Amino acid sequence: MNNQSKRFVKQFVLGFGFLSGVWVRIGFDPEDYVLNYAYTFLDYIFPGNVLSPWFWIIPVLLLVASIFGAYKNGKVLGILSVFIAFMAGLSVPDLYFLVLLVLAIIVGFIASKKK
């Protein structure tokens, strides 16, 4: 296992895929929380600020960048591993999430090596 494979699995499979699924499952999105806090803070400093459209655009840009990064580092298998990890995160209370997570990690290592 090389460092690129480990980094891909940590950042994209576990970070982007699995944790995103867990956050959706429990109904809490930390990115939304941080952006709402930043929006409230900026609105307090600059009432009626002109930056508010960015708070709609930033999450979309982050999602596109994450998908692009997963594709760049793992191609189609990389995207598949992130999707499997996302599904594992969605099924966390059930025991089969471990099977999906292990499968996602294995596919992630394969994808990052085939690049």
PDB file of N, CA and C in Angstrom:
ATOM      1  N   MET A   1       0.837  -1.186   0.000  1.00  0.00           N
ATOM      2  CA  MET A   1       0.000   0.000   0.000  1.00  0.00           C
ATOM      3  C   MET A   1       0.874   1.239   0.000  1.00  0.00           C
ATOM      4  N   ASN A   2       0.684   2.046  -1.017  1.00  0.00           N
ATOM      5  CA  ASN A   2       1.467   3.276  -1.065  1.00  0.00           C
ATOM      6  C   ASN A   2       0.706   4.420  -0.395  1.00  0.00           C
ATOM      7  N   ASN A   3       1.402   5.529  -0.224  1.00  0.00           N
ATOM      8  CA  ASN A   3       0.803   6.674   0.470  1.00  0.00           C
ATOM      9  C   ASN A   3      -0.369   7.262  -0.292  1.00  0.00           C
ATOM     10  N   GLN A   4      -0.310   7.227  -1.630  1.00  0.00           N
ATOM     11  CA  GLN A   4      -1.409   7.776  -2.430  1.00  0.00           C
ATOM     12  C   GLN A   4      -2.683   6.973  -2.192  1.00  0.00           C
ATOM     13  N   SER A   5      -2.564   5.653  -2.115  1.00  0.00           N
ATOM     14  CA  SER A   5      -3.734   4.812  -1.856  1.00  0.00           C
ATOM     15  C   SER A   5      -4.302   5.075  -0.471  1.00  0.00           C
ATOM     16  N   LYS A   6      -3.435   5.165   0.518  1.00  0.00           N
ATOM     17  CA  LYS A   6      -3.895   5.444   1.878  1.00  0.00           C
ATOM     18  C   LYS A   6      -4.582   6.798   1.965  1.00  0.00           C
ATOM     19  N   ARG A   7      -4.010   7.792   1.310  1.00  0.00           N
ATOM     20  CA  ARG A   7      -4.590   9.139   1.323  1.00  0.00           C
ATOM     21  C   ARG A   7      -5.962   9.139   0.653  1.00  0.00           C
ATOM     22  N   PHE A   8      -6.075   8.430  -0.488  1.00  0.00           N
ATOM     23  CA  PHE A   8      -7.359   8.369  -1.193  1.00  0.00           C
ATOM     24  C   PHE A   8      -8.423   7.735  -0.310  1.00  0.00           C
ATOM     25  N   VAL A   9      -8.084   6.628   0.329  1.00  0.00           N
ATOM     26  CA  VAL A   9      -9.065   5.945   1.172  1.00  0.00           C
ATOM     27  C   VAL A   9      -9.444   6.813   2.365  1.00  0.00           C
ATOM     28  N   LYS A  10      -8.475   7.462   2.994  1.00  0.00           N
ATOM     29  CA  LYS A  10      -8.780   8.307   4.154  1.00  0.00           C
ATOM     30  C   LYS A  10      -9.619   9.519   3.761  1.00  0.00           C
ATOM     31  N   GLN A  11      -9.177  10.238   2.719  1.00  0.00           N
ATOM     32  CA  GLN A  11      -9.841  11.494   2.373  1.00  0.00           C
ATOM     33  C   GLN A  11     -11.177  11.290   1.680  1.00  0.00           C
ATOM     34  N   PHE A  12     -11.201  10.441   0.683  1.00  0.00           N
ATOM     35  CA  PHE A  12     -12.404  10.342  -0.134  1.00  0.00           C
ATOM     36  C   PHE A  12     -13.353   9.243   0.328  1.00  0.00           C
ATOM     37  N   VAL A  13     -12.835   8.042   0.542  1.00  0.00           N
ATOM     38  CA  VAL A  13     -13.719   6.940   0.906  1.00  0.00           C
ATOM     39  C   VAL A  13     -14.265   7.143   2.320  1.00  0.00           C
ATOM     40  N   LEU A  14     -13.367   7.337   3.283  1.00  0.00           N
ATOM     41  CA  LEU A  14     -13.824   7.498   4.666  1.00  0.00           C
ATOM     42  C   LEU A  14     -14.351   8.905   4.941  1.00  0.00           C
ATOM     43  N   GLY A  15     -13.604   9.916   4.510  1.00  0.00           N
ATOM     44  CA  GLY A  15     -13.987  11.294   4.802  1.00  0.00           C
ATOM     45  C   GLY A  15     -15.201  11.764   4.026  1.00  0.00           C
ATOM     46  N   PHE A  16     -15.118  11.680   2.721  1.00  0.00           N
ATOM     47  CA  PHE A  16     -16.198  12.193   1.880  1.00  0.00           C
ATOM     48  C   PHE A  16     -17.368  11.217   1.795  1.00  0.00           C
ATOM     49  N   GLY A  17     -17.096   9.952   1.620  1.00  0.00           N
ATOM     50  CA  GLY A  17     -18.168   8.973   1.440  1.00  0.00           C
ATOM     51  C   GLY A  17     -18.826   8.556   2.740  1.00  0.00           C
ATOM     52  N   PHE A  18     -18.058   7.875   3.591  1.00  0.00           N
ATOM     53  CA  PHE A  18     -18.633   7.302   4.807  1.00  0.00           C
ATOM     54  C   PHE A  18     -19.176   8.364   5.759  1.00  0.00           C
ATOM     55  N   LEU A  19     -18.373   9.379   6.068  1.00  0.00           N
ATOM     56  CA  LEU A  19     -18.846  10.406   7.010  1.00  0.00           C
ATOM     57  C   LEU A  19     -20.044  11.181   6.478  1.00  0.00           C
ATOM     58  N   SER A  20     -20.081  11.419   5.172  1.00  0.00           N
ATOM     59  CA  SER A  20     -21.259  12.087   4.593  1.00  0.00           C
ATOM     60  C   SER A  20     -22.504  11.241   4.793  1.00  0.00           C
ATOM     61  N   GLY A  21     -22.373   9.936   4.607  1.00  0.00           N
ATOM     62  CA  GLY A  21     -23.503   9.040   4.834  1.00  0.00           C
ATOM     63  C   GLY A  21     -23.953   9.037   6.279  1.00  0.00           C
ATOM     64  N   VAL A  22     -22.996   9.047   7.195  1.00  0.00           N
ATOM     65  CA  VAL A  22     -23.338   9.092   8.625  1.00  0.00           C
ATOM     66  C   VAL A  22     -24.066  10.390   8.955  1.00  0.00           C
ATOM     67  N   TRP A  23     -23.561  11.515   8.435  1.00  0.00           N
ATOM     68  CA  TRP A  23     -24.214  12.803   8.720  1.00  0.00           C
ATOM     69  C   TRP A  23     -25.629  12.828   8.167  1.00  0.00           C
ATOM     70  N   VAL A  24     -25.835  12.286   6.981  1.00  0.00           N
ATOM     71  CA  VAL A  24     -27.191  12.233   6.419  1.00  0.00           C
ATOM     72  C   VAL A  24     -28.069  11.339   7.280  1.00  0.00           C
ATOM     73  N   ARG A  25     -27.528  10.218   7.712  1.00  0.00           N
ATOM     74  CA  ARG A  25     -28.294   9.269   8.529  1.00  0.00           C
ATOM     75  C   ARG A  25     -28.771   9.897   9.836  1.00  0.00           C
ATOM     76  N   ILE A  26     -27.904  10.643  10.504  1.00  0.00           N
ATOM     77  CA  ILE A  26     -28.319  11.230  11.790  1.00  0.00           C
ATOM     78  C   ILE A  26     -29.002  12.585  11.621  1.00  0.00           C
ATOM     79  N   GLY A  27     -29.013  13.108  10.400  1.00  0.00           N
ATOM     80  CA  GLY A  27     -29.725  14.346  10.135  1.00  0.00           C
ATOM     81  C   GLY A  27     -28.987  15.601  10.533  1.00  0.00           C
ATOM     82  N   PHE A  28     -27.680  15.539  10.547  1.00  0.00           N
ATOM     83  CA  PHE A  28     -26.871  16.694  10.929  1.00  0.00           C
ATOM     84  C   PHE A  28     -25.802  16.900   9.869  1.00  0.00           C
ATOM     85  N   ASP A  29     -25.701  18.118   9.377  1.00  0.00           N
ATOM     86  CA  ASP A  29     -24.687  18.425   8.374  1.00  0.00           C
ATOM     87  C   ASP A  29     -23.757  19.492   8.944  1.00  0.00           C
ATOM     88  N   PRO A  30     -22.535  19.114   9.326  1.00  0.00           N
ATOM     89  CA  PRO A  30     -21.629  20.097   9.924  1.00  0.00           C
ATOM     90  C   PRO A  30     -21.295  21.242   8.978  1.00  0.00           C
ATOM     91  N   GLU A  31     -21.229  20.966   7.682  1.00  0.00           N
ATOM     92  CA  GLU A  31     -20.946  22.026   6.712  1.00  0.00           C
ATOM     93  C   GLU A  31     -22.053  23.073   6.733  1.00  0.00           C
ATOM     94  N   ASP A  32     -23.293  22.626   6.803  1.00  0.00           N
ATOM     95  CA  ASP A  32     -24.431  23.538   6.861  1.00  0.00           C
ATOM     96  C   ASP A  32     -24.385  24.369   8.138  1.00  0.00           C
ATOM     97  N   TYR A  33     -24.014  23.739   9.232  1.00  0.00           N
ATOM     98  CA  TYR A  33     -23.911  24.431  10.514  1.00  0.00           C
ATOM     99  C   TYR A  33     -22.855  25.538  10.446  1.00  0.00           C
ATOM    100  N   VAL A  34     -21.691  25.221   9.909  1.00  0.00           N
ATOM    101  CA  VAL A  34     -20.603  26.201   9.813  1.00  0.00           C
ATOM    102  C   VAL A  34     -20.991  27.340   8.879  1.00  0.00           C
ATOM    103  N   LEU A  35     -21.595  27.011   7.732  1.00  0.00           N
ATOM    104  CA  LEU A  35     -21.995  28.060   6.785  1.00  0.00           C
ATOM    105  C   LEU A  35     -23.088  28.954   7.367  1.00  0.00           C
ATOM    106  N   ASN A  36     -24.032  28.381   8.104  1.00  0.00           N
ATOM    107  CA  ASN A  36     -25.068  29.206   8.745  1.00  0.00           C
ATOM    108  C   ASN A  36     -24.467  30.133   9.790  1.00  0.00           C
ATOM    109  N   TYR A  37     -23.502  29.626  10.546  1.00  0.00           N
ATOM    110  CA  TYR A  37     -22.826  30.455  11.543  1.00  0.00           C
ATOM    111  C   TYR A  37     -22.067  31.592  10.859  1.00  0.00           C
ATOM    112  N   ALA A  38     -21.350  31.279   9.793  1.00  0.00           N
ATOM    113  CA  ALA A  38     -20.596  32.301   9.059  1.00  0.00           C
ATOM    114  C   ALA A  38     -21.547  33.335   8.454  1.00  0.00           C
ATOM    115  N   TYR A  39     -22.671  32.873   7.916  1.00  0.00           N
ATOM    116  CA  TYR A  39     -23.650  33.788   7.330  1.00  0.00           C
ATOM    117  C   TYR A  39     -24.204  34.730   8.396  1.00  0.00           C
ATOM    118  N   THR A  40     -24.549  34.187   9.559  1.00  0.00           N
ATOM    119  CA  THR A  40     -25.069  35.014  10.653  1.00  0.00           C
ATOM    120  C   THR A  40     -24.033  36.028  11.103  1.00  0.00           C
ATOM    121  N   PHE A  41     -22.780  35.587  11.207  1.00  0.00           N
ATOM    122  CA  PHE A  41     -21.693  36.468  11.613  1.00  0.00           C
ATOM    123  C   PHE A  41     -21.504  37.602  10.599  1.00  0.00           C
ATOM    124  N   LEU A  42     -21.450  37.262   9.313  1.00  0.00           N
ATOM    125  CA  LEU A  42     -21.270  38.293   8.285  1.00  0.00           C
ATOM    126  C   LEU A  42     -22.476  39.219   8.184  1.00  0.00           C
ATOM    127  N   ASP A  43     -23.672  38.683   8.387  1.00  0.00           N
ATOM    128  CA  ASP A  43     -24.874  39.512   8.343  1.00  0.00           C
ATOM    129  C   ASP A  43     -24.897  40.483   9.524  1.00  0.00           C
ATOM    130  N   TYR A  44     -24.320  40.088  10.638  1.00  0.00           N
ATOM    131  CA  TYR A  44     -24.227  40.967  11.791  1.00  0.00           C
ATOM    132  C   TYR A  44     -23.244  42.109  11.515  1.00  0.00           C
ATOM    133  N   ILE A  45     -22.108  41.785  10.894  1.00  0.00           N
ATOM    134  CA  ILE A  45     -21.101  42.802  10.600  1.00  0.00           C
ATOM    135  C   ILE A  45     -21.522  43.684   9.423  1.00  0.00           C
ATOM    136  N   PHE A  46     -22.036  43.053   8.362  1.00  0.00           N
ATOM    137  CA  PHE A  46     -22.468  43.765   7.153  1.00  0.00           C
ATOM    138  C   PHE A  46     -23.933  43.451   6.895  1.00  0.00           C
ATOM    139  N   PRO A  47     -24.852  44.169   7.550  1.00  0.00           N
ATOM    140  CA  PRO A  47     -26.282  43.868   7.351  1.00  0.00           C
ATOM    141  C   PRO A  47     -26.664  43.944   5.870  1.00  0.00           C
ATOM    142  N   GLY A  48     -27.444  42.947   5.458  1.00  0.00           N
ATOM    143  CA  GLY A  48     -27.861  42.889   4.056  1.00  0.00           C
ATOM    144  C   GLY A  48     -26.681  42.665   3.136  1.00  0.00           C
ATOM    145  N   ASN A  49     -25.728  41.863   3.583  1.00  0.00           N
ATOM    146  CA  ASN A  49     -24.479  41.707   2.841  1.00  0.00           C
ATOM    147  C   ASN A  49     -24.703  41.112   1.450  1.00  0.00           C
ATOM    148  N   VAL A  50     -23.781  41.427   0.589  1.00  0.00           N
ATOM    149  CA  VAL A  50     -23.865  40.968  -0.806  1.00  0.00           C
ATOM    150  C   VAL A  50     -23.222  39.592  -0.975  1.00  0.00           C
ATOM    151  N   LEU A  51     -22.704  39.029   0.098  1.00  0.00           N
ATOM    152  CA  LEU A  51     -22.069  37.722   0.017  1.00  0.00           C
ATOM    153  C   LEU A  51     -23.053  36.566   0.138  1.00  0.00           C
ATOM    154  N   SER A  52     -24.314  36.845   0.422  1.00  0.00           N
ATOM    155  CA  SER A  52     -25.273  35.765   0.673  1.00  0.00           C
ATOM    156  C   SER A  52     -25.414  34.774  -0.486  1.00  0.00           C
ATOM    157  N   PRO A  53     -25.302  35.171  -1.763  1.00  0.00           N
ATOM    158  CA  PRO A  53     -25.373  34.144  -2.824  1.00  0.00           C
ATOM    159  C   PRO A  53     -24.260  33.105  -2.718  1.00  0.00           C
ATOM    160  N   TRP A  54     -23.117  33.492  -2.170  1.00  0.00           N
ATOM    161  CA  TRP A  54     -22.014  32.548  -2.020  1.00  0.00           C
ATOM    162  C   TRP A  54     -22.356  31.426  -1.050  1.00  0.00           C
ATOM    163  N   PHE A  55     -23.233  31.689  -0.113  1.00  0.00           N
ATOM    164  CA  PHE A  55     -23.605  30.661   0.848  1.00  0.00           C
ATOM    165  C   PHE A  55     -24.517  29.609   0.226  1.00  0.00           C
ATOM    166  N   TRP A  56     -25.037  29.869  -0.949  1.00  0.00           N
ATOM    167  CA  TRP A  56     -25.746  28.859  -1.730  1.00  0.00           C
ATOM    168  C   TRP A  56     -24.784  28.135  -2.662  1.00  0.00           C
ATOM    169  N   ILE A  57     -23.790  28.856  -3.134  1.00  0.00           N
ATOM    170  CA  ILE A  57     -22.867  28.311  -4.136  1.00  0.00           C
ATOM    171  C   ILE A  57     -21.762  27.460  -3.504  1.00  0.00           C
ATOM    172  N   ILE A  58     -21.281  27.836  -2.325  1.00  0.00           N
ATOM    173  CA  ILE A  58     -20.153  27.147  -1.697  1.00  0.00           C
ATOM    174  C   ILE A  58     -20.404  25.641  -1.519  1.00  0.00           C
ATOM    175  N   PRO A  59     -21.548  25.197  -0.977  1.00  0.00           N
ATOM    176  CA  PRO A  59     -21.748  23.747  -0.830  1.00  0.00           C
ATOM    177  C   PRO A  59     -21.735  22.999  -2.164  1.00  0.00           C
ATOM    178  N   VAL A  60     -22.285  23.612  -3.195  1.00  0.00           N
ATOM    179  CA  VAL A  60     -22.283  22.980  -4.520  1.00  0.00           C
ATOM    180  C   VAL A  60     -20.858  22.868  -5.049  1.00  0.00           C
ATOM    181  N   LEU A  61     -20.074  23.930  -4.879  1.00  0.00           N
ATOM    182  CA  LEU A  61     -18.680  23.899  -5.329  1.00  0.00           C
ATOM    183  C   LEU A  61     -17.870  22.852  -4.564  1.00  0.00           C
ATOM    184  N   LEU A  62     -18.102  22.724  -3.267  1.00  0.00           N
ATOM    185  CA  LEU A  62     -17.400  21.716  -2.477  1.00  0.00           C
ATOM    186  C   LEU A  62     -17.777  20.297  -2.909  1.00  0.00           C
ATOM    187  N   LEU A  63     -19.040  20.083  -3.214  1.00  0.00           N
ATOM    188  CA  LEU A  63     -19.480  18.767  -3.687  1.00  0.00           C
ATOM    189  C   LEU A  63     -18.852  18.430  -5.030  1.00  0.00           C
ATOM    190  N   VAL A  64     -18.872  19.390  -5.953  1.00  0.00           N
ATOM    191  CA  VAL A  64     -18.274  19.174  -7.274  1.00  0.00           C
ATOM    192  C   VAL A  64     -16.770  18.917  -7.145  1.00  0.00           C
ATOM    193  N   ALA A  65     -16.097  19.675  -6.298  1.00  0.00           N
ATOM    194  CA  ALA A  65     -14.655  19.485  -6.098  1.00  0.00           C
ATOM    195  C   ALA A  65     -14.365  18.114  -5.500  1.00  0.00           C
ATOM    196  N   SER A  66     -15.185  17.659  -4.579  1.00  0.00           N
ATOM    197  CA  SER A  66     -14.978  16.341  -3.975  1.00  0.00           C
ATOM    198  C   SER A  66     -15.193  15.226  -4.989  1.00  0.00           C
ATOM    199  N   ILE A  67     -16.237  15.339  -5.792  1.00  0.00           N
ATOM    200  CA  ILE A  67     -16.496  14.326  -6.826  1.00  0.00           C
ATOM    201  C   ILE A  67     -15.379  14.334  -7.859  1.00  0.00           C
ATOM    202  N   PHE A  68     -14.938  15.511  -8.254  1.00  0.00           N
ATOM    203  CA  PHE A  68     -13.831  15.613  -9.205  1.00  0.00           C
ATOM    204  C   PHE A  68     -12.560  15.007  -8.626  1.00  0.00           C
ATOM    205  N   GLY A  69     -12.278  15.290  -7.359  1.00  0.00           N
ATOM    206  CA  GLY A  69     -11.096  14.736  -6.706  1.00  0.00           C
ATOM    207  C   GLY A  69     -11.148  13.221  -6.616  1.00  0.00           C
ATOM    208  N   ALA A  70     -12.319  12.681  -6.308  1.00  0.00           N
ATOM    209  CA  ALA A  70     -12.466  11.221  -6.250  1.00  0.00           C
ATOM    210  C   ALA A  70     -12.265  10.618  -7.632  1.00  0.00           C
ATOM    211  N   TYR A  71     -12.797  11.266  -8.666  1.00  0.00           N
ATOM    212  CA  TYR A  71     -12.627  10.752 -10.024  1.00  0.00           C
ATOM    213  C   TYR A  71     -11.172  10.867 -10.470  1.00  0.00           C
ATOM    214  N   LYS A  72     -10.545  11.983 -10.163  1.00  0.00           N
ATOM    215  CA  LYS A  72      -9.155  12.201 -10.566  1.00  0.00           C
ATOM    216  C   LYS A  72      -8.224  11.171  -9.937  1.00  0.00           C
ATOM    217  N   ASN A  73      -8.481  10.825  -8.685  1.00  0.00           N
ATOM    218  CA  ASN A  73      -7.611   9.897  -7.974  1.00  0.00           C
ATOM    219  C   ASN A  73      -7.973   8.427  -8.155  1.00  0.00           C
ATOM    220  N   GLY A  74      -9.207   8.133  -8.533  1.00  0.00           N
ATOM    221  CA  GLY A  74      -9.598   6.732  -8.616  1.00  0.00           C
ATOM    222  C   GLY A  74     -10.452   6.360  -9.810  1.00  0.00           C
ATOM    223  N   LYS A  75     -10.705   7.318 -10.677  1.00  0.00           N
ATOM    224  CA  LYS A  75     -11.554   7.106 -11.863  1.00  0.00           C
ATOM    225  C   LYS A  75     -12.916   6.553 -11.445  1.00  0.00           C
ATOM    226  N   VAL A  76     -13.529   5.723 -12.276  1.00  0.00           N
ATOM    227  CA  VAL A  76     -14.881   5.233 -12.018  1.00  0.00           C
ATOM    228  C   VAL A  76     -14.914   4.350 -10.769  1.00  0.00           C
ATOM    229  N   LEU A  77     -13.894   3.520 -10.576  1.00  0.00           N
ATOM    230  CA  LEU A  77     -13.843   2.697  -9.362  1.00  0.00           C
ATOM    231  C   LEU A  77     -13.733   3.569  -8.104  1.00  0.00           C
ATOM    232  N   GLY A  78     -13.068   4.692  -8.217  1.00  0.00           N
ATOM    233  CA  GLY A  78     -12.973   5.616  -7.092  1.00  0.00           C
ATOM    234  C   GLY A  78     -14.330   6.184  -6.715  1.00  0.00           C
ATOM    235  N   ILE A  79     -15.087   6.588  -7.715  1.00  0.00           N
ATOM    236  CA  ILE A  79     -16.447   7.086  -7.468  1.00  0.00           C
ATOM    237  C   ILE A  79     -17.306   5.976  -6.864  1.00  0.00           C
ATOM    238  N   LEU A  80     -17.152   4.757  -7.394  1.00  0.00           N
ATOM    239  CA  LEU A  80     -17.912   3.624  -6.872  1.00  0.00           C
ATOM    240  C   LEU A  80     -17.557   3.352  -5.407  1.00  0.00           C
ATOM    241  N   SER A  81     -16.287   3.425  -5.062  1.00  0.00           N
ATOM    242  CA  SER A  81     -15.888   3.187  -3.671  1.00  0.00           C
ATOM    243  C   SER A  81     -16.459   4.258  -2.740  1.00  0.00           C
ATOM    244  N   VAL A  82     -16.490   5.495  -3.191  1.00  0.00           N
ATOM    245  CA  VAL A  82     -17.072   6.571  -2.382  1.00  0.00           C
ATOM    246  C   VAL A  82     -18.575   6.350  -2.214  1.00  0.00           C
ATOM    247  N   PHE A  83     -19.243   5.908  -3.281  1.00  0.00           N
ATOM    248  CA  PHE A  83     -20.680   5.639  -3.196  1.00  0.00           C
ATOM    249  C   PHE A  83     -20.972   4.486  -2.231  1.00  0.00           C
ATOM    250  N   ILE A  84     -20.179   3.420  -2.306  1.00  0.00           N
ATOM    251  CA  ILE A  84     -20.367   2.292  -1.394  1.00  0.00           C
ATOM    252  C   ILE A  84     -20.138   2.749   0.052  1.00  0.00           C
ATOM    253  N   ALA A  85     -19.121   3.575   0.266  1.00  0.00           N
ATOM    254  CA  ALA A  85     -18.861   4.099   1.615  1.00  0.00           C
ATOM    255  C   ALA A  85     -20.013   4.970   2.092  1.00  0.00           C
ATOM    256  N   PHE A  86     -20.591   5.761   1.189  1.00  0.00           N
ATOM    257  CA  PHE A  86     -21.752   6.588   1.540  1.00  0.00           C
ATOM    258  C   PHE A  86     -22.912   5.697   1.976  1.00  0.00           C
ATOM    259  N   MET A  87     -23.145   4.627   1.226  1.00  0.00           N
ATOM    260  CA  MET A  87     -24.220   3.695   1.579  1.00  0.00           C
ATOM    261  C   MET A  87     -23.931   3.013   2.931  1.00  0.00           C
ATOM    262  N   ALA A  88     -22.649   2.744   3.209  1.00  0.00           N
ATOM    263  CA  ALA A  88     -22.279   2.185   4.513  1.00  0.00           C
ATOM    264  C   ALA A  88     -22.616   3.171   5.624  1.00  0.00           C
ATOM    265  N   GLY A  89     -22.345   4.442   5.393  1.00  0.00           N
ATOM    266  CA  GLY A  89     -22.674   5.460   6.381  1.00  0.00           C
ATOM    267  C   GLY A  89     -24.158   5.580   6.619  1.00  0.00           C
ATOM    268  N   LEU A  90     -24.942   5.421   5.561  1.00  0.00           N
ATOM    269  CA  LEU A  90     -26.401   5.480   5.707  1.00  0.00           C
ATOM    270  C   LEU A  90     -26.951   4.302   6.507  1.00  0.00           C
ATOM    271  N   SER A  91     -26.242   3.192   6.490  1.00  0.00           N
ATOM    272  CA  SER A  91     -26.747   1.990   7.151  1.00  0.00           C
ATOM    273  C   SER A  91     -26.028   1.691   8.471  1.00  0.00           C
ATOM    274  N   VAL A  92     -25.483   2.719   9.110  1.00  0.00           N
ATOM    275  CA  VAL A  92     -24.673   2.536  10.321  1.00  0.00           C
ATOM    276  C   VAL A  92     -25.360   1.738  11.431  1.00  0.00           C
ATOM    277  N   PRO A  93     -26.591   1.939  11.779  1.00  0.00           N
ATOM    278  CA  PRO A  93     -27.130   1.147  12.892  1.00  0.00           C
ATOM    279  C   PRO A  93     -27.181  -0.355  12.582  1.00  0.00           C
ATOM    280  N   ASP A  94     -27.324  -0.685  11.320  1.00  0.00           N
ATOM    281  CA  ASP A  94     -27.375  -2.097  10.935  1.00  0.00           C
ATOM    282  C   ASP A  94     -25.956  -2.642  10.839  1.00  0.00           C
ATOM    283  N   LEU A  95     -25.826  -3.914  11.135  1.00  0.00           N
ATOM    284  CA  LEU A  95     -24.499  -4.513  11.190  1.00  0.00           C
ATOM    285  C   LEU A  95     -23.838  -4.645   9.823  1.00  0.00           C
ATOM    286  N   TYR A  96     -24.628  -4.700   8.748  1.00  0.00           N
ATOM    287  CA  TYR A  96     -24.033  -4.870   7.418  1.00  0.00           C
ATOM    288  C   TYR A  96     -23.273  -3.631   6.941  1.00  0.00           C
ATOM    289  N   PHE A  97     -23.322  -2.545   7.695  1.00  0.00           N
ATOM    290  CA  PHE A  97     -22.532  -1.376   7.314  1.00  0.00           C
ATOM    291  C   PHE A  97     -21.039  -1.715   7.317  1.00  0.00           C
ATOM    292  N   LEU A  98     -20.631  -2.628   8.204  1.00  0.00           N
ATOM    293  CA  LEU A  98     -19.219  -3.027   8.257  1.00  0.00           C
ATOM    294  C   LEU A  98     -18.793  -3.729   6.965  1.00  0.00           C
ATOM    295  N   VAL A  99     -19.665  -4.564   6.433  1.00  0.00           N
ATOM    296  CA  VAL A  99     -19.372  -5.260   5.170  1.00  0.00           C
ATOM    297  C   VAL A  99     -19.234  -4.234   4.051  1.00  0.00           C
ATOM    298  N   LEU A 100     -20.163  -3.289   3.992  1.00  0.00           N
ATOM    299  CA  LEU A 100     -20.103  -2.252   2.956  1.00  0.00           C
ATOM    300  C   LEU A 100     -18.863  -1.381   3.112  1.00  0.00           C
ATOM    301  N   LEU A 101     -18.513  -1.045   4.331  1.00  0.00           N
ATOM    302  CA  LEU A 101     -17.346  -0.202   4.569  1.00  0.00           C
ATOM    303  C   LEU A 101     -16.057  -0.910   4.174  1.00  0.00           C
ATOM    304  N   VAL A 102     -15.925  -2.178   4.542  1.00  0.00           N
ATOM    305  CA  VAL A 102     -14.740  -2.942   4.151  1.00  0.00           C
ATOM    306  C   VAL A 102     -14.674  -3.059   2.633  1.00  0.00           C
ATOM    307  N   LEU A 103     -15.820  -3.317   1.999  1.00  0.00           N
ATOM    308  CA  LEU A 103     -15.866  -3.395   0.535  1.00  0.00           C
ATOM    309  C   LEU A 103     -15.444  -2.065  -0.093  1.00  0.00           C
ATOM    310  N   ALA A 104     -15.920  -0.968   0.464  1.00  0.00           N
ATOM    311  CA  ALA A 104     -15.557   0.352  -0.054  1.00  0.00           C
ATOM    312  C   ALA A 104     -14.062   0.606   0.079  1.00  0.00           C
ATOM    313  N   ILE A 105     -13.489   0.213   1.190  1.00  0.00           N
ATOM    314  CA  ILE A 105     -12.050   0.409   1.397  1.00  0.00           C
ATOM    315  C   ILE A 105     -11.248  -0.429   0.410  1.00  0.00           C
ATOM    316  N   ILE A 106     -11.657  -1.673   0.215  1.00  0.00           N
ATOM    317  CA  ILE A 106     -10.957  -2.543  -0.739  1.00  0.00           C
ATOM    318  C   ILE A 106     -11.048  -1.971  -2.151  1.00  0.00           C
ATOM    319  N   VAL A 107     -12.244  -1.572  -2.561  1.00  0.00           N
ATOM    320  CA  VAL A 107     -12.420  -0.978  -3.893  1.00  0.00           C
ATOM    321  C   VAL A 107     -11.629   0.321  -4.003  1.00  0.00           C
ATOM    322  N   GLY A 108     -11.565   1.089  -2.925  1.00  0.00           N
ATOM    323  CA  GLY A 108     -10.794   2.330  -2.923  1.00  0.00           C
ATOM    324  C   GLY A 108      -9.310   2.085  -3.131  1.00  0.00           C
ATOM    325  N   PHE A 109      -8.766   1.068  -2.468  1.00  0.00           N
ATOM    326  CA  PHE A 109      -7.355   0.739  -2.667  1.00  0.00           C
ATOM    327  C   PHE A 109      -7.098   0.262  -4.095  1.00  0.00           C
ATOM    328  N   ILE A 110      -8.000  -0.555  -4.623  1.00  0.00           N
ATOM    329  CA  ILE A 110      -7.856  -1.031  -6.003  1.00  0.00           C
ATOM    330  C   ILE A 110      -7.929   0.142  -6.973  1.00  0.00           C
ATOM    331  N   ALA A 111      -8.894   1.035  -6.741  1.00  0.00           N
ATOM    332  CA  ALA A 111      -9.082   2.172  -7.643  1.00  0.00           C
ATOM    333  C   ALA A 111      -7.883   3.090  -7.655  1.00  0.00           C
ATOM    334  N   SER A 112      -7.313   3.345  -6.504  1.00  0.00           N
ATOM    335  CA  SER A 112      -6.183   4.271  -6.457  1.00  0.00           C
ATOM    336  C   SER A 112      -4.909   3.651  -7.029  1.00  0.00           C
ATOM    337  N   LYS A 113      -4.817   2.345  -7.048  1.00  0.00           N
ATOM    338  CA  LYS A 113      -3.658   1.683  -7.650  1.00  0.00           C
ATOM    339  C   LYS A 113      -3.791   1.593  -9.168  1.00  0.00           C
ATOM    340  N   LYS A 114      -5.036   1.483  -9.662  1.00  0.00           N
ATOM    341  CA  LYS A 114      -5.251   1.349 -11.109  1.00  0.00           C
ATOM    342  C   LYS A 114      -5.122   2.669 -11.848  1.00  0.00           C
ATOM    343  N   LYS A 115      -5.087   3.752 -11.120  1.00  0.00           N
ATOM    344  CA  LYS A 115      -5.014   5.072 -11.724  1.00  0.00           C
ATOM    345  C   LYS A 115      -3.814   5.169 -12.589  1.00  0.00           C
TER     346      LYS A 115
END
